[in-house]
C-alpha atoms as a PDB file:
ATOM      1  CA  UNK A   1      26.193   6.333  22.211  1.00  0.00           C
ATOM      2  CA  UNK A   2      25.067   2.805  21.889  1.00  0.00           C
ATOM      3  CA  UNK A   3      25.875   0.773  18.936  1.00  0.00           C
ATOM      4  CA  UNK A   4      22.623  -0.334  17.940  1.00  0.00           C
ATOM      5  CA  UNK A   5      22.060   2.024  15.075  1.00  0.00           C
ATOM      6  CA  UNK A   6      22.990   0.573  11.624  1.00  0.00           C
ATOM      7  CA  UNK A   7      25.130   2.620   8.891  1.00  0.00           C
ATOM      8  CA  UNK A   8      23.389   3.067   5.755  1.00  0.00           C
ATOM      9  CA  UNK A   9      25.451   3.884   2.806  1.00  0.00           C
ATOM     10  CA  UNK A  10      24.543   4.072  -1.021  1.00  0.00           C
ATOM     11  CA  UNK A  11      26.544   3.433  -3.962  1.00  0.00           C
ATOM     12  CA  UNK A  12      26.524   5.172  -7.453  1.00  0.00           C
ATOM     13  CA  UNK A  13      22.970   3.838  -7.928  1.00  0.00           C
ATOM     14  CA  UNK A  14      21.697   5.379  -4.714  1.00  0.00           C
ATOM     15  CA  UNK A  15      19.639   3.831  -2.341  1.00  0.00           C
ATOM     16  CA  UNK A  16      18.679   0.466  -3.815  1.00  0.00           C
ATOM     17  CA  UNK A  17      16.086  -0.225  -1.307  1.00  0.00           C
ATOM     18  CA  UNK A  18      13.970   2.750  -2.565  1.00  0.00           C
ATOM     19  CA  UNK A  19      14.030   1.475  -6.205  1.00  0.00           C
ATOM     20  CA  UNK A  20      10.676   0.312  -7.428  1.00  0.00           C
ATOM     21  CA  UNK A  21      10.484  -3.488  -8.068  1.00  0.00           C
ATOM     22  CA  UNK A  22       9.238  -4.179 -11.449  1.00  0.00           C
ATOM     23  CA  UNK A  23       8.349  -7.690 -12.387  1.00  0.00           C
ATOM     24  CA  UNK A  24       9.013  -7.634 -15.960  1.00  0.00           C
ATOM     25  CA  UNK A  25      10.464 -10.983 -17.218  1.00  0.00           C
ATOM     26  CA  UNK A  26      13.221 -11.908 -19.673  1.00  0.00           C
ATOM     27  CA  UNK A  27      10.983 -14.544 -21.717  1.00  0.00           C
ATOM     28  CA  UNK A  28       6.995 -14.767 -21.722  1.00  0.00           C
ATOM     29  CA  UNK A  29       5.430 -17.928 -21.029  1.00  0.00           C
ATOM     30  CA  UNK A  30       2.757 -19.303 -23.381  1.00  0.00           C
ATOM     31  CA  UNK A  31      -0.924 -18.488 -22.373  1.00  0.00           C
ATOM     32  CA  UNK A  32      -1.935 -21.908 -21.919  1.00  0.00           C
ATOM     33  CA  UNK A  33       0.667 -22.206 -19.026  1.00  0.00           C
ATOM     34  CA  UNK A  34      -0.634 -19.323 -17.325  1.00  0.00           C
ATOM     35  CA  UNK A  35      -3.505 -18.026 -15.154  1.00  0.00           C
ATOM     36  CA  UNK A  36      -4.486 -14.373 -15.033  1.00  0.00           C
ATOM     37  CA  UNK A  37      -6.269 -13.015 -11.843  1.00  0.00           C
ATOM     38  CA  UNK A  38      -8.593 -10.218 -12.531  1.00  0.00           C
ATOM     39  CA  UNK A  39      -9.337  -7.830  -9.665  1.00  0.00           C
ATOM     40  CA  UNK A  40     -11.211  -4.747  -9.157  1.00  0.00           C
ATOM     41  CA  UNK A  41      -9.616  -1.654  -7.432  1.00  0.00           C
ATOM     42  CA  UNK A  42     -10.752   1.847  -6.657  1.00  0.00           C
ATOM     43  CA  UNK A  43      -8.403   2.801  -3.754  1.00  0.00           C
ATOM     44  CA  UNK A  44      -6.303   5.924  -4.346  1.00  0.00           C
ATOM     45  CA  UNK A  45      -8.121   6.927  -7.570  1.00  0.00           C
ATOM     46  CA  UNK A  46     -10.772   9.383  -6.234  1.00  0.00           C
ATOM     47  CA  UNK A  47     -13.309   6.537  -6.361  1.00  0.00           C
ATOM     48  CA  UNK A  48     -12.614   5.713  -9.959  1.00  0.00           C
ATOM     49  CA  UNK A  49     -12.520   1.698 -10.509  1.00  0.00           C
ATOM     50  CA  UNK A  50     -10.285   0.074 -12.564  1.00  0.00           C
ATOM     51  CA  UNK A  51      -9.909  -3.567 -13.699  1.00  0.00           C
ATOM     52  CA  UNK A  52      -6.483  -4.828 -12.732  1.00  0.00           C
ATOM     53  CA  UNK A  53      -4.942  -8.134 -14.513  1.00  0.00           C
ATOM     54  CA  UNK A  54      -2.310  -9.830 -12.481  1.00  0.00           C
ATOM     55  CA  UNK A  55       0.062 -12.729 -12.218  1.00  0.00           C
ATOM     56  CA  UNK A  56       0.956 -12.847 -15.952  1.00  0.00           C
ATOM     57  CA  UNK A  57       4.618 -13.855 -16.691  1.00  0.00           C
ATOM     58  CA  UNK A  58       5.427 -11.709 -19.683  1.00  0.00           C
ATOM     59  CA  UNK A  59       8.215  -9.495 -21.081  1.00  0.00           C
ATOM     60  CA  UNK A  60       7.530  -5.732 -21.034  1.00  0.00           C
ATOM     61  CA  UNK A  61       6.757  -5.782 -24.673  1.00  0.00           C
ATOM     62  CA  UNK A  62       4.506  -8.478 -24.494  1.00  0.00           C
ATOM     63  CA  UNK A  63       2.666  -6.996 -21.416  1.00  0.00           C
ATOM     64  CA  UNK A  64       2.282  -3.621 -23.314  1.00  0.00           C
ATOM     65  CA  UNK A  65       1.125  -5.365 -26.191  1.00  0.00           C
ATOM     66  CA  UNK A  66      -1.594  -7.175 -24.502  1.00  0.00           C
ATOM     67  CA  UNK A  67      -2.569  -3.987 -22.448  1.00  0.00           C
ATOM     68  CA  UNK A  68      -3.219  -2.367 -25.949  1.00  0.00           C
ATOM     69  CA  UNK A  69      -5.481  -5.027 -27.001  1.00  0.00           C
ATOM     70  CA  UNK A  70      -7.304  -5.208 -23.918  1.00  0.00           C
ATOM     71  CA  UNK A  71      -7.906  -1.471 -24.070  1.00  0.00           C
ATOM     72  CA  UNK A  72      -9.275  -1.545 -27.692  1.00  0.00           C
ATOM     73  CA  UNK A  73     -11.690  -4.299 -26.835  1.00  0.00           C
ATOM     74  CA  UNK A  74     -13.073  -2.489 -23.723  1.00  0.00           C
ATOM     75  CA  UNK A  75     -12.747   0.993 -25.615  1.00  0.00           C
ATOM     76  CA  UNK A  76     -11.112   2.633 -22.711  1.00  0.00           C
ATOM     77  CA  UNK A  77      -7.685   3.887 -21.278  1.00  0.00           C
ATOM     78  CA  UNK A  78      -5.279   2.041 -19.363  1.00  0.00           C
ATOM     79  CA  UNK A  79      -1.701   1.433 -18.372  1.00  0.00           C
ATOM     80  CA  UNK A  80       1.167  -1.169 -17.560  1.00  0.00           C
ATOM     81  CA  UNK A  81       1.997  -0.413 -14.190  1.00  0.00           C
ATOM     82  CA  UNK A  82       4.514  -2.349 -11.597  1.00  0.00           C
ATOM     83  CA  UNK A  83       3.989  -5.602 -13.955  1.00  0.00           C
ATOM     84  CA  UNK A  84       0.347  -5.561 -13.838  1.00  0.00           C
ATOM     85  CA  UNK A  85      -2.110  -4.213 -16.586  1.00  0.00           C
ATOM     86  CA  UNK A  86      -4.891  -1.498 -15.370  1.00  0.00           C
ATOM     87  CA  UNK A  87      -7.869  -0.826 -17.423  1.00  0.00           C
ATOM     88  CA  UNK A  88     -10.007   2.170 -16.743  1.00  0.00           C
ATOM     89  CA  UNK A  89     -13.565   0.795 -15.466  1.00  0.00           C
ATOM     90  CA  UNK A  90     -15.383  -2.279 -14.423  1.00  0.00           C
ATOM     91  CA  UNK A  91     -14.416  -4.587 -17.643  1.00  0.00           C
ATOM     92  CA  UNK A  92     -13.434  -7.904 -15.940  1.00  0.00           C
ATOM     93  CA  UNK A  93     -16.149  -9.866 -17.683  1.00  0.00           C
ATOM     94  CA  UNK A  94     -14.926  -8.464 -21.091  1.00  0.00           C
ATOM     95  CA  UNK A  95     -11.495  -8.893 -20.139  1.00  0.00           C
ATOM     96  CA  UNK A  96     -11.967 -12.315 -19.209  1.00  0.00           C
ATOM     97  CA  UNK A  97     -13.479 -13.214 -22.448  1.00  0.00           C
ATOM     98  CA  UNK A  98     -10.508 -11.812 -24.310  1.00  0.00           C
ATOM     99  CA  UNK A  99      -8.120 -13.457 -22.125  1.00  0.00           C
ATOM    100  CA  UNK A 100      -9.992 -17.067 -22.545  1.00  0.00           C
ATOM    101  CA  UNK A 101      -9.997 -16.562 -26.453  1.00  0.00           C
ATOM    102  CA  UNK A 102      -6.070 -15.814 -26.310  1.00  0.00           C
ATOM    103  CA  UNK A 103      -5.686 -19.109 -24.315  1.00  0.00           C
ATOM    104  CA  UNK A 104      -5.327 -17.824 -20.800  1.00  0.00           C
ATOM    105  CA  UNK A 105      -6.833 -19.361 -17.610  1.00  0.00           C
ATOM    106  CA  UNK A 106      -8.802 -16.720 -16.086  1.00  0.00           C
ATOM    107  CA  UNK A 107      -9.753 -16.163 -12.203  1.00  0.00           C
ATOM    108  CA  UNK A 108     -12.107 -13.354 -11.292  1.00  0.00           C
ATOM    109  CA  UNK A 109     -11.482 -12.125  -7.765  1.00  0.00           C
ATOM    110  CA  UNK A 110     -12.775  -9.340  -5.579  1.00  0.00           C
ATOM    111  CA  UNK A 111     -16.307  -7.982  -5.689  1.00  0.00           C
END
């Protein structure tokens, strides 16, 4: 038996390698110091399109609050997932307008 296999062990918390990495921060940066990236994604959603807001440094509560405002402005559903805001449908232009009014710099990416 060769000694090339590595022993894997877990603690009380289980295998930490499999835990989902969340990118929630303890303190939010002001909007003027941030650039929001807007993407359009449809993969893994049965062909349905979502507008994704990425790269915001916000606390979990602030992220949820911003997501709620964007959903209301777009008149559609959405969620906060993995530190990103997902809004159902193609709403990047509307989201860009709202974020710009709030003081964020906005970059629209993707087709």
